[in-house]
Amino acid sequence: MIRFQLMMTATALLVVAGCSEQPKPEQTPSTPPPAASTEEGHSHGEGPNGGAVADWGGGKYHVEFTVNHDTQEATVYVLDNYAKNPAPLKIEKLLLSIKEPSFQVELLPQPLEGESEDTSSRFVGKHEKLGVVQEFAGTISGEADGTPYAGDFKEEAHGHTHRSSVWQRAGE
């Protein structure tokens, strides 16, 4: 009889112990969180005009920064959401702010062939410091169709591009 009571007690303990365990939540494959908008290393590669490409407005547009050291000119191209084709917008001017050496350049519209007079996808500005051969980093800002945009860019040596932060609407 004692043996039977011991077996029943042991069985009851096993049942109680098994029932007291919390059920494990269903295991679902974890997916990494979306990349932060300021993720280091985010790159679009070289743009269609050979420059550094950055998001503008969360990918609604892309902007490509190029520089011609011989003519001391910077050109920024506004591209579509695929960073492949021109995206002409009604913009009066863009402001290019270079970090080192610190200077600013106003970029004025120079519409590409086929773009109307009041829209442009190309903006050009001139400054003697653009004649220095170096990798430039800075900020490009402007207002497109009443929405202010600003973002940082950084060129890399050997024609490789690097985004130090993704373009965002100003104030976000």
N, C-alpha and C. Protein backbone atom coordinates (compact mmCIF):
# COMPACT_ATOMS: atom_id res chain seq x y z
N MET A 1 0.81 -1.17 0.00
CA MET A 1 0.00 0.00 0.00
C MET A 1 0.87 1.26 0.00
N ILE A 2 1.94 1.24 0.74
CA ILE A 2 2.83 2.40 0.77
C ILE A 2 3.43 2.62 -0.61
N ARG A 3 3.79 1.52 -1.25
CA ARG A 3 4.35 1.63 -2.60
C ARG A 3 3.33 2.28 -3.54
N PHE A 4 2.05 1.89 -3.44
CA PHE A 4 1.01 2.47 -4.29
C PHE A 4 0.84 3.96 -3.99
N GLN A 5 0.88 4.36 -2.73
CA GLN A 5 0.74 5.76 -2.35
C GLN A 5 1.92 6.58 -2.85
N LEU A 6 3.13 6.00 -2.78
CA LEU A 6 4.32 6.70 -3.29
C LEU A 6 4.21 6.92 -4.81
N MET A 7 3.74 5.89 -5.51
CA MET A 7 3.60 6.01 -6.97
C MET A 7 2.53 7.06 -7.31
N MET A 8 1.46 7.07 -6.58
CA MET A 8 0.40 8.05 -6.85
C MET A 8 0.88 9.47 -6.53
N THR A 9 1.62 9.62 -5.44
CA THR A 9 2.15 10.93 -5.07
C THR A 9 3.13 11.41 -6.13
N ALA A 10 4.01 10.52 -6.57
CA ALA A 10 5.00 10.89 -7.60
C ALA A 10 4.29 11.27 -8.90
N THR A 11 3.27 10.49 -9.27
CA THR A 11 2.52 10.79 -10.49
C THR A 11 1.81 12.13 -10.36
N ALA A 12 1.22 12.38 -9.21
CA ALA A 12 0.52 13.65 -8.99
C ALA A 12 1.50 14.83 -9.06
N LEU A 13 2.68 14.65 -8.48
CA LEU A 13 3.69 15.72 -8.55
C LEU A 13 4.12 15.98 -9.98
N LEU A 14 4.30 14.95 -10.75
CA LEU A 14 4.69 15.13 -12.15
C LEU A 14 3.59 15.85 -12.94
N VAL A 15 2.35 15.47 -12.68
CA VAL A 15 1.23 16.11 -13.38
C VAL A 15 1.14 17.57 -12.98
N VAL A 16 1.24 17.86 -11.68
CA VAL A 16 1.16 19.23 -11.20
C VAL A 16 2.33 20.04 -11.74
N ALA A 17 3.53 19.48 -11.71
CA ALA A 17 4.70 20.20 -12.22
C ALA A 17 4.55 20.47 -13.71
N GLY A 18 4.03 19.51 -14.43
CA GLY A 18 3.85 19.69 -15.87
C GLY A 18 2.79 20.73 -16.16
N CYS A 19 1.76 20.81 -15.36
CA CYS A 19 0.68 21.76 -15.60
C CYS A 19 1.05 23.16 -15.16
N SER A 20 2.01 23.28 -14.22
CA SER A 20 2.34 24.61 -13.74
C SER A 20 3.27 25.35 -14.68
N GLU A 21 3.87 24.64 -15.61
CA GLU A 21 4.73 25.33 -16.57
C GLU A 21 3.88 26.21 -17.47
N GLN A 22 4.36 27.41 -17.72
CA GLN A 22 3.67 28.31 -18.64
C GLN A 22 3.90 27.83 -20.06
N PRO A 23 2.87 27.83 -20.88
CA PRO A 23 3.09 27.43 -22.27
C PRO A 23 4.01 28.45 -22.94
N LYS A 24 4.88 27.92 -23.74
CA LYS A 24 5.82 28.78 -24.45
C LYS A 24 5.08 29.48 -25.58
N PRO A 25 5.38 30.79 -25.77
CA PRO A 25 4.72 31.47 -26.89
C PRO A 25 5.21 30.88 -28.20
N GLU A 26 4.35 30.98 -29.19
CA GLU A 26 4.73 30.46 -30.49
C GLU A 26 5.99 31.14 -30.96
N GLN A 27 6.90 30.35 -31.46
CA GLN A 27 8.15 30.89 -31.98
C GLN A 27 7.92 31.32 -33.43
N THR A 28 8.17 32.59 -33.69
CA THR A 28 8.07 33.07 -35.06
C THR A 28 9.44 33.54 -35.48
N PRO A 29 9.77 33.36 -36.72
CA PRO A 29 11.08 33.82 -37.16
C PRO A 29 11.20 35.32 -36.93
N SER A 30 12.29 35.70 -36.31
CA SER A 30 12.46 37.13 -36.04
C SER A 30 13.03 37.80 -37.28
N THR A 31 12.50 38.95 -37.56
CA THR A 31 13.02 39.74 -38.66
C THR A 31 13.69 40.95 -38.08
N PRO A 32 14.82 41.34 -38.65
CA PRO A 32 15.50 42.51 -38.11
C PRO A 32 14.64 43.74 -38.28
N PRO A 33 14.76 44.69 -37.35
CA PRO A 33 13.98 45.91 -37.49
C PRO A 33 14.41 46.67 -38.74
N PRO A 34 13.53 47.49 -39.29
CA PRO A 34 13.92 48.25 -40.46
C PRO A 34 15.10 49.14 -40.13
N ALA A 35 15.92 49.36 -41.13
CA ALA A 35 17.11 50.19 -40.93
C ALA A 35 16.70 51.60 -40.54
N ALA A 36 17.41 52.15 -39.61
CA ALA A 36 17.16 53.54 -39.19
C ALA A 36 17.52 54.46 -40.33
N SER A 37 16.88 55.61 -40.36
CA SER A 37 17.12 56.53 -41.47
C SER A 37 18.51 57.13 -41.44
N THR A 38 19.22 56.95 -40.34
CA THR A 38 20.58 57.49 -40.28
C THR A 38 21.60 56.37 -40.25
N GLU A 39 21.26 55.23 -40.80
CA GLU A 39 22.13 54.07 -40.77
C GLU A 39 23.44 54.36 -41.51
N GLU A 40 24.55 54.11 -40.82
CA GLU A 40 25.86 54.26 -41.46
C GLU A 40 25.99 53.17 -42.51
N GLY A 41 26.66 53.48 -43.58
CA GLY A 41 26.94 52.49 -44.59
C GLY A 41 25.86 52.36 -45.64
N HIS A 42 24.75 53.04 -45.47
CA HIS A 42 23.69 52.98 -46.45
C HIS A 42 24.19 53.65 -47.73
N SER A 43 24.13 52.93 -48.83
CA SER A 43 24.67 53.49 -50.06
C SER A 43 23.80 53.11 -51.24
N HIS A 44 23.64 54.01 -52.15
CA HIS A 44 22.94 53.74 -53.38
C HIS A 44 23.92 53.48 -54.51
N GLY A 45 25.20 53.58 -54.21
CA GLY A 45 26.19 53.44 -55.26
C GLY A 45 26.27 54.72 -56.07
N GLU A 46 26.95 54.62 -57.16
CA GLU A 46 27.15 55.78 -58.02
C GLU A 46 25.88 56.08 -58.80
N GLY A 47 25.54 57.36 -58.91
CA GLY A 47 24.35 57.77 -59.63
C GLY A 47 24.54 57.76 -61.13
N PRO A 48 23.47 58.01 -61.87
CA PRO A 48 23.54 57.99 -63.33
C PRO A 48 24.48 59.05 -63.90
N ASN A 49 24.83 60.06 -63.10
CA ASN A 49 25.75 61.10 -63.57
C ASN A 49 27.12 60.98 -62.90
N GLY A 50 27.37 59.85 -62.23
CA GLY A 50 28.67 59.60 -61.62
C GLY A 50 28.85 60.19 -60.23
N GLY A 51 27.78 60.66 -59.60
CA GLY A 51 27.90 61.30 -58.30
C GLY A 51 27.36 60.48 -57.15
N ALA A 52 27.41 61.09 -55.96
CA ALA A 52 26.90 60.47 -54.73
C ALA A 52 25.39 60.64 -54.68
N VAL A 53 24.66 59.54 -54.47
CA VAL A 53 23.20 59.56 -54.46
C VAL A 53 22.68 59.44 -53.04
N ALA A 54 21.66 60.22 -52.73
CA ALA A 54 21.04 60.20 -51.41
C ALA A 54 19.52 60.23 -51.54
N ASP A 55 18.83 59.66 -50.54
CA ASP A 55 17.37 59.76 -50.48
C ASP A 55 16.99 61.20 -50.18
N TRP A 56 15.85 61.59 -50.68
CA TRP A 56 15.30 62.92 -50.38
C TRP A 56 13.82 62.72 -50.12
N GLY A 57 13.38 62.95 -48.90
CA GLY A 57 11.98 62.77 -48.54
C GLY A 57 11.62 61.31 -48.36
N GLY A 58 12.52 60.55 -47.73
CA GLY A 58 12.23 59.15 -47.46
C GLY A 58 12.15 58.27 -48.69
N GLY A 59 12.83 58.64 -49.74
CA GLY A 59 12.85 57.84 -50.97
C GLY A 59 11.87 58.30 -52.02
N LYS A 60 11.08 59.32 -51.72
CA LYS A 60 10.16 59.86 -52.73
C LYS A 60 10.96 60.35 -53.93
N TYR A 61 12.09 60.97 -53.62
CA TYR A 61 13.04 61.41 -54.63
C TYR A 61 14.43 60.97 -54.19
N HIS A 62 15.37 61.07 -55.10
CA HIS A 62 16.77 60.92 -54.79
C HIS A 62 17.48 62.14 -55.33
N VAL A 63 18.61 62.48 -54.74
CA VAL A 63 19.38 63.63 -55.16
C VAL A 63 20.81 63.16 -55.37
N GLU A 64 21.40 63.59 -56.47
CA GLU A 64 22.76 63.19 -56.81
C GLU A 64 23.66 64.42 -56.82
N PHE A 65 24.74 64.37 -56.02
CA PHE A 65 25.71 65.45 -55.93
C PHE A 65 26.91 65.12 -56.81
N THR A 66 27.27 66.06 -57.69
CA THR A 66 28.48 65.93 -58.50
C THR A 66 29.26 67.23 -58.42
N VAL A 67 30.55 67.14 -58.68
CA VAL A 67 31.39 68.34 -58.67
C VAL A 67 32.36 68.26 -59.83
N ASN A 68 32.59 69.40 -60.48
CA ASN A 68 33.60 69.52 -61.53
C ASN A 68 34.67 70.46 -60.98
N HIS A 69 35.79 69.90 -60.57
CA HIS A 69 36.85 70.70 -59.95
C HIS A 69 37.44 71.72 -60.94
N ASP A 70 37.53 71.35 -62.22
CA ASP A 70 38.13 72.24 -63.22
C ASP A 70 37.31 73.52 -63.40
N THR A 71 35.98 73.39 -63.39
CA THR A 71 35.12 74.58 -63.58
C THR A 71 34.66 75.16 -62.25
N GLN A 72 35.04 74.53 -61.14
CA GLN A 72 34.66 74.97 -59.79
C GLN A 72 33.15 75.00 -59.62
N GLU A 73 32.47 73.98 -60.19
CA GLU A 73 31.01 73.93 -60.15
C GLU A 73 30.52 72.65 -59.47
N ALA A 74 29.45 72.80 -58.72
CA ALA A 74 28.72 71.67 -58.17
C ALA A 74 27.40 71.57 -58.90
N THR A 75 26.98 70.36 -59.20
CA THR A 75 25.68 70.11 -59.83
C THR A 75 24.94 69.08 -59.00
N VAL A 76 23.70 69.38 -58.70
CA VAL A 76 22.82 68.44 -58.00
C VAL A 76 21.69 68.09 -58.95
N TYR A 77 21.45 66.79 -59.10
CA TYR A 77 20.36 66.30 -59.93
C TYR A 77 19.27 65.73 -59.03
N VAL A 78 18.03 66.12 -59.27
CA VAL A 78 16.89 65.53 -58.57
C VAL A 78 16.43 64.36 -59.43
N LEU A 79 16.38 63.17 -58.80
CA LEU A 79 16.04 61.94 -59.51
C LEU A 79 14.76 61.34 -58.95
N ASP A 80 14.18 60.42 -59.69
CA ASP A 80 12.95 59.75 -59.26
C ASP A 80 13.21 58.81 -58.09
N ASN A 81 12.16 58.13 -57.64
CA ASN A 81 12.28 57.25 -56.48
C ASN A 81 13.18 56.04 -56.74
N TYR A 82 13.51 55.74 -57.99
CA TYR A 82 14.42 54.65 -58.32
C TYR A 82 15.86 55.13 -58.51
N ALA A 83 16.06 56.44 -58.41
CA ALA A 83 17.38 57.06 -58.61
C ALA A 83 17.93 56.79 -60.01
N LYS A 84 17.03 56.75 -60.98
CA LYS A 84 17.44 56.46 -62.36
C LYS A 84 17.16 57.59 -63.33
N ASN A 85 16.02 58.26 -63.16
CA ASN A 85 15.58 59.25 -64.14
C ASN A 85 15.40 60.62 -63.50
N PRO A 86 15.57 61.69 -64.30
CA PRO A 86 15.34 63.04 -63.78
C PRO A 86 13.91 63.20 -63.26
N ALA A 87 13.78 63.97 -62.18
CA ALA A 87 12.46 64.28 -61.61
C ALA A 87 12.36 65.80 -61.47
N PRO A 88 11.98 66.49 -62.54
CA PRO A 88 11.91 67.95 -62.48
C PRO A 88 10.86 68.43 -61.49
N LEU A 89 11.26 69.40 -60.67
CA LEU A 89 10.39 69.98 -59.66
C LEU A 89 10.44 71.50 -59.75
N LYS A 90 9.44 72.13 -59.19
CA LYS A 90 9.42 73.59 -59.13
C LYS A 90 10.18 74.01 -57.87
N ILE A 91 11.44 74.38 -58.05
CA ILE A 91 12.32 74.78 -56.95
C ILE A 91 13.07 76.02 -57.40
N GLU A 92 13.05 77.07 -56.59
CA GLU A 92 13.75 78.32 -56.94
C GLU A 92 15.26 78.15 -56.87
N LYS A 93 15.74 77.48 -55.81
CA LYS A 93 17.17 77.30 -55.62
C LYS A 93 17.40 76.24 -54.55
N LEU A 94 18.59 75.68 -54.55
CA LEU A 94 19.04 74.78 -53.49
C LEU A 94 20.21 75.45 -52.81
N LEU A 95 20.45 75.09 -51.55
CA LEU A 95 21.60 75.61 -50.83
C LEU A 95 22.52 74.44 -50.51
N LEU A 96 23.75 74.54 -50.98
CA LEU A 96 24.79 73.54 -50.72
C LEU A 96 25.68 74.09 -49.61
N SER A 97 25.77 73.37 -48.49
CA SER A 97 26.62 73.77 -47.37
C SER A 97 27.69 72.70 -47.21
N ILE A 98 28.94 73.06 -47.49
CA ILE A 98 30.07 72.14 -47.39
C ILE A 98 30.68 72.28 -45.99
N LYS A 99 31.07 71.13 -45.40
CA LYS A 99 31.61 71.13 -44.04
C LYS A 99 33.07 71.57 -43.98
N GLU A 100 33.94 70.94 -44.77
CA GLU A 100 35.38 71.21 -44.72
C GLU A 100 35.92 71.41 -46.11
N PRO A 101 36.47 72.54 -46.43
CA PRO A 101 36.42 73.77 -45.65
C PRO A 101 34.99 74.31 -45.68
N SER A 102 34.61 75.01 -44.67
CA SER A 102 33.24 75.47 -44.51
C SER A 102 32.90 76.60 -45.49
N PHE A 103 31.91 76.33 -46.36
CA PHE A 103 31.40 77.37 -47.27
C PHE A 103 30.04 76.94 -47.79
N GLN A 104 29.31 77.90 -48.38
CA GLN A 104 27.99 77.64 -48.94
C GLN A 104 27.94 78.10 -50.39
N VAL A 105 27.11 77.41 -51.16
CA VAL A 105 26.92 77.75 -52.57
C VAL A 105 25.42 77.68 -52.87
N GLU A 106 24.90 78.70 -53.51
CA GLU A 106 23.53 78.68 -53.98
C GLU A 106 23.51 77.97 -55.33
N LEU A 107 22.64 76.98 -55.46
CA LEU A 107 22.51 76.22 -56.70
C LEU A 107 21.23 76.65 -57.40
N LEU A 108 21.36 77.13 -58.61
CA LEU A 108 20.21 77.62 -59.36
C LEU A 108 19.78 76.61 -60.42
N PRO A 109 18.49 76.63 -60.78
CA PRO A 109 17.99 75.67 -61.76
C PRO A 109 18.62 75.88 -63.14
N GLN A 110 18.99 74.78 -63.76
CA GLN A 110 19.41 74.75 -65.16
C GLN A 110 18.68 73.56 -65.79
N PRO A 111 17.43 73.78 -66.22
CA PRO A 111 16.62 72.67 -66.73
C PRO A 111 17.33 71.88 -67.83
N LEU A 112 17.16 70.57 -67.77
CA LEU A 112 17.66 69.71 -68.83
C LEU A 112 16.78 69.90 -70.06
N GLU A 113 17.29 69.47 -71.21
CA GLU A 113 16.52 69.56 -72.45
C GLU A 113 15.19 68.83 -72.26
N GLY A 114 14.10 69.49 -72.62
CA GLY A 114 12.78 68.91 -72.50
C GLY A 114 12.04 69.28 -71.22
N GLU A 115 12.74 69.87 -70.25
CA GLU A 115 12.07 70.30 -69.02
C GLU A 115 11.53 71.71 -69.23
N SER A 116 10.39 72.00 -68.62
CA SER A 116 9.78 73.32 -68.79
C SER A 116 10.59 74.38 -68.05
N GLU A 117 10.31 75.64 -68.36
CA GLU A 117 11.03 76.76 -67.75
C GLU A 117 10.82 76.84 -66.24
N ASP A 118 9.65 76.43 -65.75
CA ASP A 118 9.37 76.58 -64.32
C ASP A 118 9.70 75.34 -63.48
N THR A 119 10.23 74.28 -64.11
CA THR A 119 10.66 73.11 -63.36
C THR A 119 12.06 72.71 -63.82
N SER A 120 12.79 72.06 -62.93
CA SER A 120 14.14 71.61 -63.27
C SER A 120 14.51 70.41 -62.41
N SER A 121 15.35 69.56 -62.96
CA SER A 121 15.91 68.46 -62.20
C SER A 121 17.42 68.66 -62.00
N ARG A 122 17.95 69.76 -62.55
CA ARG A 122 19.39 70.04 -62.43
C ARG A 122 19.58 71.42 -61.82
N PHE A 123 20.51 71.50 -60.83
CA PHE A 123 20.81 72.74 -60.13
C PHE A 123 22.32 72.90 -60.06
N VAL A 124 22.81 74.09 -60.44
CA VAL A 124 24.25 74.30 -60.57
C VAL A 124 24.67 75.55 -59.81
N GLY A 125 25.84 75.48 -59.18
CA GLY A 125 26.42 76.62 -58.49
C GLY A 125 27.93 76.58 -58.58
N LYS A 126 28.55 77.74 -58.43
CA LYS A 126 29.99 77.86 -58.61
C LYS A 126 30.62 78.49 -57.37
N HIS A 127 31.80 77.98 -56.98
CA HIS A 127 32.57 78.53 -55.86
C HIS A 127 34.02 78.10 -56.05
N GLU A 128 34.96 79.02 -55.78
CA GLU A 128 36.37 78.71 -56.02
C GLU A 128 36.85 77.51 -55.20
N LYS A 129 36.27 77.27 -54.02
CA LYS A 129 36.71 76.16 -53.17
C LYS A 129 36.29 74.80 -53.74
N LEU A 130 35.36 74.79 -54.70
CA LEU A 130 35.00 73.54 -55.37
C LEU A 130 36.10 73.09 -56.32
N GLY A 131 37.06 73.96 -56.59
CA GLY A 131 38.21 73.61 -57.43
C GLY A 131 39.22 72.73 -56.71
N VAL A 132 39.12 72.63 -55.40
CA VAL A 132 40.02 71.78 -54.62
C VAL A 132 39.60 70.33 -54.82
N VAL A 133 40.56 69.48 -55.18
CA VAL A 133 40.26 68.07 -55.37
C VAL A 133 40.24 67.38 -54.01
N GLN A 134 39.05 67.01 -53.58
CA GLN A 134 38.84 66.32 -52.31
C GLN A 134 37.48 65.66 -52.34
N GLU A 135 37.19 64.84 -51.33
CA GLU A 135 35.87 64.27 -51.17
C GLU A 135 35.07 65.24 -50.30
N PHE A 136 34.01 65.78 -50.85
CA PHE A 136 33.19 66.75 -50.14
C PHE A 136 32.12 66.06 -49.30
N ALA A 137 31.77 66.70 -48.20
CA ALA A 137 30.66 66.27 -47.36
C ALA A 137 29.92 67.52 -46.93
N GLY A 138 28.62 67.42 -46.81
CA GLY A 138 27.84 68.58 -46.41
C GLY A 138 26.36 68.32 -46.44
N THR A 139 25.61 69.41 -46.60
CA THR A 139 24.16 69.36 -46.58
C THR A 139 23.60 70.09 -47.79
N ILE A 140 22.57 69.53 -48.36
CA ILE A 140 21.83 70.20 -49.45
C ILE A 140 20.41 70.40 -48.95
N SER A 141 19.93 71.62 -49.08
CA SER A 141 18.57 71.91 -48.63
C SER A 141 17.83 72.72 -49.68
N GLY A 142 16.54 72.60 -49.64
CA GLY A 142 15.69 73.34 -50.58
C GLY A 142 14.24 73.09 -50.27
N GLU A 143 13.39 73.80 -50.98
CA GLU A 143 11.95 73.65 -50.81
C GLU A 143 11.35 73.25 -52.14
N ALA A 144 10.70 72.09 -52.16
CA ALA A 144 10.07 71.58 -53.38
C ALA A 144 8.56 71.56 -53.20
N ASP A 145 7.85 72.28 -54.04
CA ASP A 145 6.39 72.32 -54.01
C ASP A 145 5.87 72.61 -52.59
N GLY A 146 6.51 73.57 -51.91
CA GLY A 146 6.08 73.98 -50.59
C GLY A 146 6.56 73.12 -49.44
N THR A 147 7.30 72.05 -49.72
CA THR A 147 7.81 71.16 -48.68
C THR A 147 9.32 71.35 -48.54
N PRO A 148 9.79 71.73 -47.33
CA PRO A 148 11.24 71.88 -47.14
C PRO A 148 11.92 70.51 -46.99
N TYR A 149 13.06 70.35 -47.63
CA TYR A 149 13.87 69.14 -47.55
C TYR A 149 15.30 69.53 -47.20
N ALA A 150 15.98 68.65 -46.49
CA ALA A 150 17.39 68.85 -46.18
C ALA A 150 18.00 67.50 -45.89
N GLY A 151 19.27 67.35 -46.20
CA GLY A 151 19.94 66.09 -45.90
C GLY A 151 21.42 66.19 -46.09
N ASP A 152 22.13 65.27 -45.49
CA ASP A 152 23.59 65.23 -45.55
C ASP A 152 24.06 64.25 -46.61
N PHE A 153 25.21 64.52 -47.18
CA PHE A 153 25.83 63.63 -48.15
C PHE A 153 27.32 63.56 -47.84
N LYS A 154 27.96 62.55 -48.37
CA LYS A 154 29.40 62.42 -48.24
C LYS A 154 29.94 61.64 -49.43
N GLU A 155 30.92 62.22 -50.10
CA GLU A 155 31.59 61.52 -51.18
C GLU A 155 32.66 60.62 -50.58
N GLU A 156 33.02 59.56 -51.30
CA GLU A 156 34.12 58.70 -50.90
C GLU A 156 35.13 58.64 -52.02
N ALA A 157 36.34 58.35 -51.65
CA ALA A 157 37.43 58.24 -52.62
C ALA A 157 37.15 57.12 -53.62
N HIS A 158 37.76 57.18 -54.75
CA HIS A 158 37.70 56.15 -55.80
C HIS A 158 36.32 56.01 -56.41
N GLY A 159 35.53 57.07 -56.38
CA GLY A 159 34.24 57.06 -57.04
C GLY A 159 33.15 56.31 -56.29
N HIS A 160 33.46 55.80 -55.09
CA HIS A 160 32.44 55.12 -54.30
C HIS A 160 31.67 56.15 -53.50
N THR A 161 30.39 55.90 -53.33
CA THR A 161 29.56 56.85 -52.58
C THR A 161 29.15 56.24 -51.26
N HIS A 162 28.90 57.11 -50.32
CA HIS A 162 28.50 56.70 -48.98
C HIS A 162 27.51 57.71 -48.45
N ARG A 163 26.50 57.20 -47.83
CA ARG A 163 25.50 58.09 -47.23
C ARG A 163 25.74 58.13 -45.74
N SER A 164 26.00 59.32 -45.22
CA SER A 164 26.12 59.43 -43.78
C SER A 164 24.76 59.53 -43.13
N SER A 165 23.77 59.94 -43.85
CA SER A 165 22.39 59.88 -43.35
C SER A 165 21.46 59.97 -44.54
N VAL A 166 20.32 59.41 -44.34
CA VAL A 166 19.33 59.41 -45.40
C VAL A 166 18.63 60.75 -45.43
N TRP A 167 18.26 61.21 -46.60
CA TRP A 167 17.58 62.50 -46.75
C TRP A 167 16.22 62.42 -46.09
N GLN A 168 15.89 63.47 -45.39
CA GLN A 168 14.58 63.55 -44.76
C GLN A 168 13.99 64.92 -44.99
N ARG A 169 12.70 65.00 -44.82
CA ARG A 169 12.06 66.30 -44.84
C ARG A 169 12.55 67.08 -43.64
N ALA A 170 12.81 68.34 -43.83
CA ALA A 170 13.25 69.18 -42.72
C ALA A 170 12.19 69.16 -41.64
N GLY A 171 12.63 69.06 -40.40
CA GLY A 171 11.72 69.11 -39.27
C GLY A 171 11.18 67.76 -38.86
N GLU A 172 11.49 66.68 -39.57
CA GLU A 172 11.00 65.36 -39.16
C GLU A 172 11.93 64.76 -38.14
